[in-house]
């Protein structure tokens, strides 16, 4: 699976700076999370512990808490400022007078989940996996924290995302993230121990009056590039003008398109652990899941 070389510290700074503007600029995130929740309608599940991995400002966390009122919902993000948008630190008196927002906020990395093995029934993660330089490690951690029979449901970006911006770059320097194909993600789910993976995708095309509007929205939602191999040095006004001119060639009427390939996936942690076969392969035994239906 191809993964963009992400600089974790830079990604955290990007999201910290975007925390105050994220809600206003994250229409795509909100729509994709809503579509992912619709897929949960097809699964009969009564989780006791739910993890929202890469929760940002916690909008999905609130929806999960409402859907599963008896569950403890853990909201994890690498950006403390994102978490503070929903769970601001308050004086003790204010905490007593006002009910806290739903969810338990935890600042941490998906590659090293600060949760006990086998402690979670449902992991949800929307548009977060592609921010990791080690997606296989992320999936192994999600597999680890899930209980046997637990469900992982996620969305991520596919390779057609921002294809117009990538095509308009006036040089070959790395700028736009590389996004993995859904088939590679499905293979990775199997390799990390998940069973019955289901993958599908769709394209969502947003339009903008000009390139500046697209770049402003990406920055406001924390979507500016966090590649560790970004070119050194500042790119001047002339470079941006060339980028804008090249993007103009893709104008459709009075709007510029920006494609986002949305990859949806879900998979189960098997009821029993896999065991090695004589030839070194993995043998996984599957049993009917109580109360599971798709």
Protein backbone atom coordinates (compact mmCIF):
# COMPACT_ATOMS: atom_id res chain seq x y z
CA UNK A 1 0.00 0.00 0.00
CA UNK A 2 1.40 3.38 -1.02
CA UNK A 3 1.43 5.89 1.80
CA UNK A 4 2.37 9.55 1.74
CA UNK A 5 5.45 10.27 3.88
CA UNK A 6 3.66 12.28 6.56
CA UNK A 7 5.41 14.50 9.07
CA UNK A 8 3.34 13.88 12.25
CA UNK A 9 4.50 17.08 13.94
CA UNK A 10 3.59 19.12 10.86
CA UNK A 11 0.19 17.41 10.60
CA UNK A 12 -0.51 18.24 14.24
CA UNK A 13 0.42 21.88 13.65
CA UNK A 14 -1.82 22.02 10.58
CA UNK A 15 -4.81 20.77 12.56
CA UNK A 16 -4.05 22.88 15.63
CA UNK A 17 -4.04 26.00 13.45
CA UNK A 18 -7.27 24.95 11.73
CA UNK A 19 -9.16 24.07 14.92
CA UNK A 20 -11.09 27.34 15.12
CA UNK A 21 -12.13 27.25 11.43
CA UNK A 22 -12.64 23.52 10.95
CA UNK A 23 -16.39 23.39 11.56
CA UNK A 24 -17.10 26.11 9.01
CA UNK A 25 -14.82 24.58 6.37
CA UNK A 26 -15.51 20.87 6.87
CA UNK A 27 -18.70 20.38 4.85
CA UNK A 28 -17.10 17.43 3.05
CA UNK A 29 -16.08 15.80 6.34
CA UNK A 30 -19.59 16.20 7.71
CA UNK A 31 -21.25 14.77 4.60
CA UNK A 32 -18.90 11.78 4.45
CA UNK A 33 -19.38 11.04 8.16
CA UNK A 34 -23.16 11.14 7.67
CA UNK A 35 -22.93 8.68 4.77
CA UNK A 36 -20.74 6.39 6.86
CA UNK A 37 -23.33 6.46 9.66
CA UNK A 38 -25.98 5.41 7.14
CA UNK A 39 -23.95 2.25 6.56
CA UNK A 40 -24.14 1.52 10.28
CA UNK A 41 -27.92 1.32 9.86
CA UNK A 42 -27.32 -2.03 8.13
CA UNK A 43 -25.52 -3.47 11.17
CA UNK A 44 -27.30 -4.54 14.34
CA UNK A 45 -24.81 -3.69 17.04
CA UNK A 46 -25.08 -2.73 20.70
CA UNK A 47 -21.55 -1.61 21.60
CA UNK A 48 -20.49 -0.81 25.14
CA UNK A 49 -17.35 1.06 24.09
CA UNK A 50 -16.94 3.00 20.82
CA UNK A 51 -13.78 4.65 19.52
CA UNK A 52 -13.95 7.64 17.17
CA UNK A 53 -10.39 7.62 15.81
CA UNK A 54 -9.29 10.94 14.32
CA UNK A 55 -12.34 12.73 15.70
CA UNK A 56 -11.27 16.34 14.95
CA UNK A 57 -13.86 18.60 16.64
CA UNK A 58 -16.03 15.67 17.66
CA UNK A 59 -19.11 16.05 15.48
CA UNK A 60 -19.10 12.33 14.65
CA UNK A 61 -18.46 11.57 18.32
CA UNK A 62 -21.69 13.33 19.23
CA UNK A 63 -23.62 11.42 16.57
CA UNK A 64 -22.24 8.10 17.81
CA UNK A 65 -23.13 8.97 21.41
CA UNK A 66 -26.68 9.76 20.30
CA UNK A 67 -26.93 6.55 18.29
CA UNK A 68 -25.58 4.40 21.14
CA UNK A 69 -26.76 6.17 24.31
CA UNK A 70 -25.63 3.33 26.56
CA UNK A 71 -22.08 3.27 25.22
CA UNK A 72 -18.95 5.06 26.32
CA UNK A 73 -17.60 6.90 23.28
CA UNK A 74 -13.87 7.67 23.24
CA UNK A 75 -12.89 10.61 21.02
CA UNK A 76 -9.24 10.42 19.95
CA UNK A 77 -7.31 13.00 17.94
CA UNK A 78 -3.68 14.02 17.61
CA UNK A 79 -4.58 17.74 17.85
CA UNK A 80 -5.32 19.04 21.35
CA UNK A 81 -6.82 22.23 19.94
CA UNK A 82 -9.27 20.27 17.85
CA UNK A 83 -10.42 18.44 20.98
CA UNK A 84 -10.73 21.69 22.92
CA UNK A 85 -13.26 23.01 20.42
CA UNK A 86 -15.80 20.53 21.81
CA UNK A 87 -14.32 19.81 25.22
CA UNK A 88 -12.83 23.12 26.41
CA UNK A 89 -11.11 23.16 29.79
CA UNK A 90 -13.47 24.76 32.30
CA UNK A 91 -13.18 25.86 35.92
CA UNK A 92 -14.64 23.38 38.38
CA UNK A 93 -17.76 25.49 39.01
CA UNK A 94 -18.51 25.72 35.28
CA UNK A 95 -18.15 21.94 34.97
CA UNK A 96 -20.69 21.48 37.74
CA UNK A 97 -23.19 23.92 36.23
CA UNK A 98 -22.98 22.73 32.62
CA UNK A 99 -23.27 19.17 31.35
CA UNK A 100 -20.09 18.07 29.53
CA UNK A 101 -20.19 17.31 25.81
CA UNK A 102 -20.79 13.68 24.96
CA UNK A 103 -17.65 11.62 24.60
CA UNK A 104 -14.39 11.10 26.44
CA UNK A 105 -11.64 13.17 24.74
CA UNK A 106 -8.19 11.60 24.43
CA UNK A 107 -5.23 13.26 22.72
CA UNK A 108 -3.11 10.59 21.06
CA UNK A 109 -1.91 8.98 17.86
CA UNK A 110 -3.74 6.29 15.92
CA UNK A 111 -0.44 4.43 15.47
CA UNK A 112 -0.22 3.98 19.26
CA UNK A 113 -3.74 3.87 20.63
CA UNK A 114 -3.76 4.52 24.40
CA UNK A 115 -6.40 1.85 24.96
CA UNK A 116 -6.31 -1.64 26.40
CA UNK A 117 -6.27 -4.67 24.15
CA UNK A 118 -9.76 -6.01 23.47
CA UNK A 119 -11.51 -3.06 25.13
CA UNK A 120 -13.56 -1.64 22.23
CA UNK A 121 -16.63 -3.00 20.42
CA UNK A 122 -16.79 -0.54 17.53
CA UNK A 123 -14.08 1.60 15.91
CA UNK A 124 -15.23 4.39 13.60
CA UNK A 125 -12.79 6.60 11.73
CA UNK A 126 -13.79 9.14 9.10
CA UNK A 127 -11.26 10.74 6.74
CA UNK A 128 -8.35 10.14 9.10
CA UNK A 129 -6.48 7.03 7.89
CA UNK A 130 -4.78 8.85 5.01
CA UNK A 131 -3.16 11.25 7.51
CA UNK A 132 -0.94 8.45 8.78
CA UNK A 133 2.42 7.55 7.25
CA UNK A 134 1.95 4.07 8.75
CA UNK A 135 -1.60 2.94 7.84
CA UNK A 136 -0.75 -0.71 8.43
CA UNK A 137 0.29 0.09 12.00
CA UNK A 138 -2.94 2.05 12.48
CA UNK A 139 -5.04 -0.91 11.36
CA UNK A 140 -3.04 -3.28 13.56
CA UNK A 141 -3.73 -1.01 16.52
CA UNK A 142 -7.43 -0.86 15.70
CA UNK A 143 -7.47 -4.65 15.44
CA UNK A 144 -5.68 -4.90 18.79
CA UNK A 145 -8.12 -2.71 20.73
CA UNK A 146 -11.21 -4.37 19.26
CA UNK A 147 -12.87 -7.21 21.11
CA UNK A 148 -13.45 -10.50 19.27
CA UNK A 149 -16.44 -9.96 17.00
CA UNK A 150 -15.91 -6.18 17.03
CA UNK A 151 -16.44 -3.98 13.99
CA UNK A 152 -14.21 -1.44 12.24
CA UNK A 153 -15.95 1.09 9.99
CA UNK A 154 -14.01 3.85 8.27
CA UNK A 155 -13.70 6.24 5.36
CA UNK A 156 -10.55 7.52 3.72
CA UNK A 157 -9.51 9.31 0.53
CA UNK A 158 -8.73 7.42 -2.67
CA UNK A 159 -6.22 8.18 -5.46
CA UNK A 160 -8.50 10.41 -7.55
CA UNK A 161 -8.75 12.93 -4.71
CA UNK A 162 -7.55 16.40 -5.73
CA UNK A 163 -6.55 15.04 -9.14
CA UNK A 164 -7.21 18.44 -10.72
CA UNK A 165 -4.82 20.14 -8.30
CA UNK A 166 -2.17 17.48 -8.86
CA UNK A 167 -2.45 17.85 -12.64
CA UNK A 168 -2.12 21.64 -12.41
CA UNK A 169 1.13 21.66 -10.43
CA UNK A 170 3.68 23.63 -12.49
CA UNK A 171 6.55 21.37 -11.42
CA UNK A 172 7.08 17.78 -10.37
CA UNK A 173 7.86 18.60 -6.73
CA UNK A 174 5.85 16.63 -4.17
CA UNK A 175 2.96 18.72 -2.84
CA UNK A 176 -0.32 16.81 -2.92
CA UNK A 177 -0.71 13.71 -0.79
CA UNK A 178 -0.72 10.25 -2.37
CA UNK A 179 -3.90 8.32 -1.56
CA UNK A 180 -4.20 4.52 -1.57
CA UNK A 181 -6.50 2.55 -3.86
CA UNK A 182 -9.42 0.87 -2.10
CA UNK A 183 -8.25 -2.57 -3.21
CA UNK A 184 -4.92 -2.00 -1.50
CA UNK A 185 -6.74 -0.90 1.65
CA UNK A 186 -8.87 -4.07 1.50
CA UNK A 187 -5.74 -6.21 1.18
CA UNK A 188 -4.25 -4.40 4.14
CA UNK A 189 -7.32 -5.17 6.26
CA UNK A 190 -6.84 -8.89 5.59
CA UNK A 191 -3.10 -8.68 6.27
CA UNK A 192 -3.71 -7.03 9.63
CA UNK A 193 -6.11 -9.75 10.76
CA UNK A 194 -9.56 -8.44 9.86
CA UNK A 195 -12.23 -10.67 8.32
CA UNK A 196 -15.01 -10.14 5.78
CA UNK A 197 -13.79 -6.75 4.51
CA UNK A 198 -16.26 -4.81 2.38
CA UNK A 199 -14.96 -1.89 0.31
CA UNK A 200 -16.69 0.58 -1.97
CA UNK A 201 -16.12 4.10 -3.22
CA UNK A 202 -17.74 7.13 -4.77
CA UNK A 203 -16.64 10.46 -6.18
CA UNK A 204 -17.78 13.74 -4.66
CA UNK A 205 -16.99 16.80 -6.77
CA UNK A 206 -16.96 20.18 -5.09
CA UNK A 207 -16.71 23.40 -7.09
CA UNK A 208 -15.09 26.74 -6.36
CA UNK A 209 -15.04 30.16 -8.02
CA UNK A 210 -11.24 30.13 -8.19
CA UNK A 211 -8.16 28.31 -6.94
CA UNK A 212 -7.74 30.68 -4.01
CA UNK A 213 -11.12 29.63 -2.61
CA UNK A 214 -10.16 25.93 -2.79
CA UNK A 215 -6.81 26.53 -1.08
CA UNK A 216 -8.45 28.64 1.66
CA UNK A 217 -10.95 25.88 2.40
CA UNK A 218 -8.26 23.20 2.49
CA UNK A 219 -6.19 25.25 4.95
CA UNK A 220 -9.23 26.10 7.09
CA UNK A 221 -10.08 22.39 7.41
CA UNK A 222 -6.48 21.40 8.18
CA UNK A 223 -6.07 19.88 4.73
CA UNK A 224 -2.85 21.63 3.71
CA UNK A 225 -0.08 19.22 2.79
CA UNK A 226 1.83 17.65 5.66
CA UNK A 227 4.27 15.68 3.51
CA UNK A 228 7.66 15.23 5.10
CA UNK A 229 9.27 15.64 1.66
CA UNK A 230 7.79 19.03 0.84
CA UNK A 231 10.19 21.18 -1.19
CA UNK A 232 12.33 23.42 0.97
CA UNK A 233 12.06 27.15 0.56
CA UNK A 234 9.16 29.45 -0.17
CA UNK A 235 7.16 29.31 -3.36
CA UNK A 236 6.53 32.81 -4.62
CA UNK A 237 3.61 34.60 -6.20
CA UNK A 238 4.79 33.63 -9.70
CA UNK A 239 4.55 29.91 -8.84
CA UNK A 240 1.00 30.35 -7.50
CA UNK A 241 0.03 32.27 -10.60
CA UNK A 242 1.27 29.45 -12.83
CA UNK A 243 -0.67 26.95 -10.71
CA UNK A 244 -3.84 29.03 -11.00
CA UNK A 245 -3.43 29.40 -14.77
CA UNK A 246 -2.98 25.65 -15.25
CA UNK A 247 -6.00 24.93 -13.03
CA UNK A 248 -8.10 27.33 -15.14
CA UNK A 249 -7.85 24.89 -18.04
CA UNK A 250 -10.16 22.60 -16.08
CA UNK A 251 -12.86 25.21 -15.46
CA UNK A 252 -16.41 23.98 -16.07
CA UNK A 253 -18.56 27.00 -16.77
CA UNK A 254 -17.96 29.53 -14.03
CA UNK A 255 -16.64 27.02 -11.47
CA UNK A 256 -13.46 25.03 -10.88
CA UNK A 257 -13.94 21.36 -9.91
CA UNK A 258 -12.16 19.53 -7.10
CA UNK A 259 -12.68 15.76 -7.01
CA UNK A 260 -12.63 13.74 -3.81
CA UNK A 261 -12.65 9.95 -4.09
CA UNK A 262 -14.29 8.66 -0.92
CA UNK A 263 -13.40 5.10 0.07
CA UNK A 264 -15.73 3.33 2.49
CA UNK A 265 -14.70 0.18 4.31
CA UNK A 266 -15.73 -2.08 7.13
CA UNK A 267 -14.43 -5.36 8.51
CA UNK A 268 -14.76 -7.54 11.58
CA UNK A 269 -12.29 -8.84 14.11
CA UNK A 270 -12.79 -12.63 13.97
CA UNK A 271 -14.42 -14.38 16.91
CA UNK A 272 -11.35 -16.63 17.17
CA UNK A 273 -7.69 -15.92 16.57
CA UNK A 274 -6.10 -17.19 13.38
CA UNK A 275 -3.67 -20.09 13.58
CA UNK A 276 -0.75 -20.95 11.34
CA UNK A 277 -1.06 -23.77 8.83
CA UNK A 278 1.69 -26.19 7.95
CA UNK A 279 2.76 -24.13 4.93
CA UNK A 280 2.96 -20.93 6.97
CA UNK A 281 -0.40 -19.55 5.82
CA UNK A 282 -3.09 -18.30 8.14
CA UNK A 283 -6.19 -20.31 8.97
CA UNK A 284 -9.08 -18.29 10.32
CA UNK A 285 -12.20 -19.88 11.74
CA UNK A 286 -15.40 -17.90 11.40
CA UNK A 287 -18.54 -18.31 13.46
CA UNK A 288 -21.90 -16.58 13.10
CA UNK A 289 -21.93 -13.20 14.85
CA UNK A 290 -24.69 -12.78 17.39
CA UNK A 291 -27.01 -10.01 16.31
CA UNK A 292 -25.01 -9.07 13.22
CA UNK A 293 -26.79 -8.44 9.98
CA UNK A 294 -25.89 -6.60 6.79
